[in-house]
Amino acid sequence: MPKIVSRNSLIVLGQLYALTKPRVLQLIVFCALVGMVMAVPRTPTFREIQHAILACVGIWLVAGAAAAINCLVEKEIDAKMKRTSWRPTAQGQVDSLLTLFFSFALCAAGSALLYFWINPLTMWLTLGTFLGYAVIYTVILKPLTPQNIVIGGSSGAMPPVLGWAAMTNQVGPEALLLFLIIFLWTPPHFWALALYRVEEYRKSGLPMLPVTHGINFTCQQILLYTIILLAACLMPFVYGMSSWLYLLVALALSLVFVLHAFKLWRQYSDERARQTFKFSLVHLSVLFSAMLVDHYLF
């Protein structure tokens, strides 16, 4: 009997962990870490490294709580979409009250850690991000307007700001530049996904841009955003945050992203939309990685 109980407990824990969207959390924490590293203009001390690790844990906990709330609120929508139908809430494997308690526990633990061991500013910014994603975006914007990704993208763009605040106890213009890059990156990233899964979104009832305005208009918007994003990606160099190494990588990545968007606009296919979506992940990851390398080498 104890073994059965233990096995069942592990299964439930695994299901709850899945609700935190681990792959998304990895990108969130990575972007927050970029903000932390860029906020320290030299090799960090051992104490600063400890501080950054604690901040990453706190941000991870609160972000995981927001993801769990998202899964709870959208469980019926998730069940209608192939991409999300596997989620434990969509399959009815996890009780709603348990999910709510789990989310509250993660949010409370993360907020306490950030408040007492990092600084109150980081806690309040992280909590505001939680409310922006779990409530304003998930509950209000997503089912209401096709601009949900644009407006709600501000929550997804916050991790570098949180990281910067964790190390400096303030929000500098450099952090806002990192915010701007992710904010402009978010719409073409998600719209590319929505394009080749448009029928799933139509079935779910969500007013995503390809559903409400069609494929051609969405492709046009993706192209426009990638062009604006290219300019934003050059700003860290212009502002003096990064050197020529970052500039070359940022320019190359952004031009390729624009090329993907241009091809998508000229001759649409689901495969091209899928390729554009996949490259968007490469774009952000490599861009910020180059920023980190540049920060320490130059």
Protein backbone atom coordinates (compact mmCIF):
# COMPACT_ATOMS: atom_id res chain seq x y z
CA MET A 1 0.00 0.00 0.00
CA PRO A 2 2.71 2.58 0.84
CA LYS A 3 4.34 1.92 -2.53
CA ILE A 4 1.02 2.50 -4.34
CA VAL A 5 0.43 5.74 -2.45
CA SER A 6 3.98 6.86 -3.19
CA ARG A 7 3.61 6.05 -6.89
CA ASN A 8 0.29 7.89 -7.10
CA SER A 9 1.83 10.88 -5.36
CA LEU A 10 4.65 10.97 -7.88
CA ILE A 11 2.14 10.83 -10.73
CA VAL A 12 0.20 13.78 -9.29
CA LEU A 13 3.41 15.75 -8.74
CA GLY A 14 4.40 15.07 -12.34
CA GLN A 15 1.03 16.30 -13.55
CA LEU A 16 1.28 19.46 -11.45
CA TYR A 17 4.79 20.07 -12.72
CA ALA A 18 3.51 19.76 -16.31
CA LEU A 19 1.04 22.58 -15.58
CA THR A 20 3.95 24.96 -14.99
CA LYS A 21 4.87 24.65 -18.70
CA PRO A 22 8.53 23.73 -18.04
CA ARG A 23 9.79 24.54 -21.55
CA VAL A 24 8.28 28.01 -21.43
CA LEU A 25 9.70 28.49 -17.93
CA GLN A 26 13.18 27.72 -19.23
CA LEU A 27 12.96 30.61 -21.69
CA ILE A 28 11.48 32.93 -19.04
CA VAL A 29 14.26 32.22 -16.54
CA PHE A 30 16.91 32.48 -19.26
CA CYS A 31 15.64 35.93 -20.27
CA ALA A 32 15.56 36.99 -16.61
CA LEU A 33 19.13 35.74 -16.24
CA VAL A 34 20.16 37.86 -19.23
CA GLY A 35 18.78 40.91 -17.42
CA MET A 36 20.74 39.96 -14.29
CA VAL A 37 24.01 39.49 -16.15
CA MET A 38 23.67 42.71 -18.12
CA ALA A 39 22.95 44.61 -14.90
CA VAL A 40 26.38 43.70 -13.49
CA PRO A 41 29.08 45.50 -15.53
CA ARG A 42 31.87 43.08 -14.55
CA THR A 43 32.46 39.49 -13.52
CA PRO A 44 29.93 38.83 -10.72
CA THR A 45 31.10 38.03 -7.21
CA PHE A 46 30.16 34.77 -5.52
CA ARG A 47 27.57 36.62 -3.46
CA GLU A 48 26.03 38.14 -6.61
CA ILE A 49 25.87 34.67 -8.18
CA GLN A 50 24.03 33.36 -5.10
CA HIS A 51 21.72 36.37 -5.29
CA ALA A 52 21.00 35.69 -8.98
CA ILE A 53 20.26 32.01 -8.34
CA LEU A 54 17.76 32.88 -5.60
CA ALA A 55 16.14 35.45 -7.88
CA CYS A 56 15.84 32.87 -10.68
CA VAL A 57 14.16 30.45 -8.28
CA GLY A 58 11.69 33.10 -7.11
CA ILE A 59 10.83 34.16 -10.67
CA TRP A 60 10.52 30.50 -11.68
CA LEU A 61 8.05 29.82 -8.87
CA VAL A 62 5.79 32.79 -9.65
CA ALA A 63 5.94 32.16 -13.41
CA GLY A 64 5.04 28.52 -12.81
CA ALA A 65 2.06 29.64 -10.74
CA ALA A 66 0.85 31.88 -13.57
CA ALA A 67 1.19 29.01 -16.06
CA ALA A 68 -0.85 26.71 -13.81
CA ILE A 69 -3.63 29.31 -13.56
CA ASN A 70 -3.56 29.65 -17.34
CA CYS A 71 -4.02 25.89 -17.71
CA LEU A 72 -6.89 25.93 -15.20
CA VAL A 73 -8.76 28.81 -16.84
CA GLU A 74 -8.30 27.45 -20.36
CA LYS A 75 -8.86 23.75 -19.65
CA GLU A 76 -11.95 23.56 -21.88
CA ILE A 77 -10.21 25.47 -24.68
CA ASP A 78 -7.08 23.32 -24.31
CA ALA A 79 -9.17 20.16 -24.67
CA LYS A 80 -10.27 21.31 -28.15
CA MET A 81 -6.74 21.90 -29.44
CA LYS A 82 -4.29 19.16 -30.40
CA ARG A 83 -1.33 21.25 -29.20
CA THR A 84 -2.69 21.53 -25.65
CA SER A 85 -5.12 18.62 -25.26
CA TRP A 86 -2.44 16.60 -23.41
CA ARG A 87 -2.39 18.98 -20.44
CA PRO A 88 -3.59 17.32 -17.19
CA THR A 89 -6.26 19.99 -16.63
CA ALA A 90 -7.61 19.52 -20.17
CA GLN A 91 -7.84 15.76 -19.61
CA GLY A 92 -9.43 16.17 -16.18
CA GLN A 93 -6.54 14.40 -14.46
CA VAL A 94 -5.96 17.15 -11.90
CA ASP A 95 -8.66 18.57 -9.66
CA SER A 96 -9.35 22.29 -10.11
CA LEU A 97 -9.05 23.04 -6.38
CA LEU A 98 -5.72 21.23 -6.23
CA THR A 99 -4.46 23.23 -9.22
CA LEU A 100 -5.61 26.46 -7.59
CA PHE A 101 -3.93 25.55 -4.29
CA PHE A 102 -0.76 24.51 -6.12
CA SER A 103 -0.64 27.82 -7.99
CA PHE A 104 -1.25 29.81 -4.80
CA ALA A 105 1.51 27.90 -2.99
CA LEU A 106 4.02 28.54 -5.80
CA CYS A 107 3.11 32.22 -6.03
CA ALA A 108 3.28 32.72 -2.26
CA ALA A 109 6.63 30.93 -1.96
CA GLY A 110 8.15 32.79 -4.90
CA SER A 111 6.85 36.17 -3.74
CA ALA A 112 8.17 35.63 -0.21
CA LEU A 113 11.58 34.60 -1.52
CA LEU A 114 11.80 37.65 -3.76
CA TYR A 115 10.57 40.06 -1.07
CA PHE A 116 12.80 38.94 1.79
CA TRP A 117 15.93 37.70 -0.03
CA ILE A 118 16.02 39.84 -3.18
CA ASN A 119 14.13 43.15 -2.86
CA PRO A 120 10.50 44.36 -2.67
CA LEU A 121 10.68 46.01 -6.12
CA THR A 122 11.41 42.69 -7.82
CA MET A 123 8.62 41.01 -5.89
CA TRP A 124 6.04 43.62 -6.87
CA LEU A 125 7.13 43.61 -10.51
CA THR A 126 6.99 39.81 -10.61
CA LEU A 127 3.59 39.76 -8.92
CA GLY A 128 2.35 42.37 -11.39
CA THR A 129 3.60 40.14 -14.22
CA PHE A 130 1.70 37.23 -12.67
CA LEU A 131 -1.54 39.24 -12.61
CA GLY A 132 -0.92 40.54 -16.12
CA TYR A 133 -0.54 37.05 -17.58
CA ALA A 134 -2.89 34.96 -15.41
CA VAL A 135 -5.72 37.50 -15.17
CA ILE A 136 -5.52 40.36 -17.67
CA TYR A 137 -4.21 38.29 -20.60
CA THR A 138 -5.71 34.85 -19.93
CA VAL A 139 -9.12 35.85 -18.55
CA ILE A 140 -9.80 39.17 -20.30
CA LEU A 141 -7.71 39.81 -23.41
CA LYS A 142 -7.22 36.38 -24.97
CA PRO A 143 -10.93 35.59 -25.49
CA LEU A 144 -11.84 39.22 -26.26
CA THR A 145 -9.55 40.67 -28.93
CA PRO A 146 -7.24 39.50 -31.75
CA GLN A 147 -4.71 41.97 -30.35
CA ASN A 148 -4.42 39.78 -27.25
CA ILE A 149 -0.82 38.82 -28.05
CA VAL A 150 0.22 42.42 -28.68
CA ILE A 151 -1.25 43.82 -25.47
CA GLY A 152 -0.64 40.76 -23.35
CA GLY A 153 2.90 40.48 -24.68
CA SER A 154 3.99 43.04 -22.09
CA SER A 155 3.80 40.33 -19.42
CA GLY A 156 5.93 37.95 -21.47
CA ALA A 157 8.49 40.69 -22.05
CA MET A 158 9.05 41.37 -18.36
CA PRO A 159 11.67 38.71 -17.40
CA PRO A 160 14.76 40.83 -18.28
CA VAL A 161 13.26 43.73 -16.31
CA LEU A 162 12.73 41.43 -13.33
CA GLY A 163 16.31 40.21 -13.62
CA TRP A 164 17.67 43.75 -13.82
CA ALA A 165 15.61 44.86 -10.82
CA ALA A 166 16.78 41.83 -8.84
CA MET A 167 20.44 42.89 -9.17
CA THR A 168 20.12 46.68 -9.00
CA ASN A 169 16.83 47.36 -7.16
CA GLN A 170 15.80 49.66 -9.99
CA VAL A 171 14.64 49.55 -13.61
CA GLY A 172 17.13 51.16 -15.96
CA PRO A 173 16.76 52.10 -19.64
CA GLU A 174 18.88 49.08 -20.58
CA ALA A 175 16.26 46.78 -19.05
CA LEU A 176 13.55 48.57 -21.02
CA LEU A 177 15.47 47.95 -24.26
CA LEU A 178 15.51 44.22 -23.49
CA PHE A 179 11.78 44.47 -22.71
CA LEU A 180 11.16 46.15 -26.07
CA ILE A 181 12.94 43.39 -27.99
CA ILE A 182 10.81 40.62 -26.46
CA PHE A 183 7.66 42.74 -26.71
CA LEU A 184 8.14 43.15 -30.48
CA TRP A 185 9.29 39.54 -30.92
CA THR A 186 6.15 38.08 -29.31
CA PRO A 187 3.49 38.86 -31.99
CA PRO A 188 5.33 37.36 -35.00
CA HIS A 189 6.32 34.39 -32.85
CA PHE A 190 2.77 33.54 -31.78
CA TRP A 191 1.05 34.57 -35.01
CA ALA A 192 3.29 32.20 -36.97
CA LEU A 193 2.13 29.40 -34.65
CA ALA A 194 -1.51 30.48 -34.99
CA LEU A 195 -1.25 30.44 -38.79
CA TYR A 196 -0.54 26.73 -39.17
CA ARG A 197 -2.91 25.89 -36.32
CA VAL A 198 -5.65 28.27 -37.41
CA GLU A 199 -8.36 25.58 -37.55
CA GLU A 200 -7.61 24.58 -33.96
CA TYR A 201 -7.97 28.20 -32.83
CA ARG A 202 -11.15 28.57 -34.86
CA LYS A 203 -12.56 25.47 -33.19
CA SER A 204 -11.59 26.73 -29.75
CA GLY A 205 -13.38 30.04 -30.28
CA LEU A 206 -10.33 32.20 -29.56
CA PRO A 207 -10.17 35.35 -31.74
CA MET A 208 -6.59 34.91 -32.90
CA LEU A 209 -5.57 37.20 -35.74
CA PRO A 210 -5.58 34.52 -38.51
CA VAL A 211 -9.13 33.59 -37.47
CA THR A 212 -10.53 37.13 -37.38
CA HIS A 213 -8.53 38.82 -40.16
CA GLY A 214 -7.34 35.99 -42.37
CA ILE A 215 -3.98 34.56 -43.38
CA ASN A 216 -2.82 37.32 -45.74
CA PHE A 217 -3.35 40.10 -43.20
CA THR A 218 -1.59 38.09 -40.50
CA CYS A 219 1.40 37.45 -42.76
CA GLN A 220 1.58 41.16 -43.50
CA GLN A 221 1.57 41.96 -39.78
CA ILE A 222 4.30 39.40 -39.12
CA LEU A 223 6.49 41.03 -41.79
CA LEU A 224 5.93 44.52 -40.38
CA TYR A 225 6.74 43.39 -36.84
CA THR A 226 9.94 41.62 -37.89
CA ILE A 227 11.14 44.80 -39.64
CA ILE A 228 10.46 46.88 -36.51
CA LEU A 229 12.04 44.13 -34.40
CA LEU A 230 15.21 44.34 -36.52
CA ALA A 231 15.57 48.01 -35.58
CA ALA A 232 14.92 47.27 -31.90
CA CYS A 233 17.54 44.50 -31.85
CA LEU A 234 20.18 47.02 -32.94
CA MET A 235 19.38 49.39 -30.08
CA PRO A 236 21.61 47.69 -27.44
CA PHE A 237 24.59 48.45 -29.70
CA VAL A 238 23.44 52.00 -30.40
CA TYR A 239 22.91 52.63 -26.68
CA GLY A 240 26.34 51.23 -25.81
CA MET A 241 25.20 48.09 -24.01
CA SER A 242 26.92 45.77 -26.48
CA SER A 243 29.75 45.82 -29.01
CA TRP A 244 30.32 44.71 -32.62
CA LEU A 245 29.98 41.00 -31.88
CA TYR A 246 26.41 41.42 -30.70
CA LEU A 247 25.66 43.81 -33.57
CA LEU A 248 26.76 41.32 -36.23
CA VAL A 249 24.80 38.45 -34.67
CA ALA A 250 21.70 40.61 -34.11
CA LEU A 251 21.79 41.92 -37.67
CA ALA A 252 22.21 38.46 -39.20
CA LEU A 253 19.48 36.86 -37.07
CA SER A 254 17.02 39.68 -37.64
CA LEU A 255 17.57 39.76 -41.40
CA VAL A 256 16.92 36.02 -41.58
CA PHE A 257 13.76 36.51 -39.51
CA VAL A 258 12.61 39.23 -41.92
CA LEU A 259 13.39 36.92 -44.86
CA HIS A 260 11.25 34.16 -43.32
CA ALA A 261 8.42 36.65 -42.85
CA PHE A 262 8.79 37.99 -46.41
CA LYS A 263 8.60 34.51 -47.92
CA LEU A 264 5.58 33.76 -45.74
CA TRP A 265 3.86 36.92 -46.96
CA ARG A 266 4.68 36.34 -50.65
CA GLN A 267 3.60 32.68 -50.78
CA TYR A 268 1.96 31.24 -47.70
CA SER A 269 2.15 27.59 -46.68
CA ASP A 270 1.74 25.86 -43.33
CA GLU A 271 5.29 24.56 -43.61
CA ARG A 272 6.67 28.08 -44.02
CA ALA A 273 4.63 29.26 -41.04
CA ARG A 274 6.03 26.36 -39.01
CA GLN A 275 9.59 27.23 -40.11
CA THR A 276 9.02 30.88 -39.17
CA PHE A 277 7.77 29.87 -35.74
CA LYS A 278 10.74 27.58 -35.13
CA PHE A 279 13.22 30.22 -36.26
CA SER A 280 11.65 32.78 -33.93
CA LEU A 281 12.74 30.58 -31.02
CA VAL A 282 16.25 30.38 -32.45
CA HIS A 283 16.27 34.14 -32.99
CA LEU A 284 15.57 35.10 -29.38
CA SER A 285 17.72 32.40 -27.80
CA VAL A 286 20.80 33.05 -29.94
CA LEU A 287 20.32 36.83 -29.78
CA PHE A 288 20.41 36.89 -25.98
CA SER A 289 23.19 34.29 -25.87
CA ALA A 290 25.27 36.54 -28.13
CA MET A 291 24.53 39.44 -25.80
CA LEU A 292 25.88 37.44 -22.85
CA VAL A 293 29.05 36.39 -24.70
CA ASP A 294 29.60 39.93 -25.90
CA HIS A 295 29.11 41.25 -22.36
CA TYR A 296 32.02 39.22 -21.00
CA LEU A 297 34.37 39.29 -23.98
CA PHE A 298 34.28 43.01 -24.73
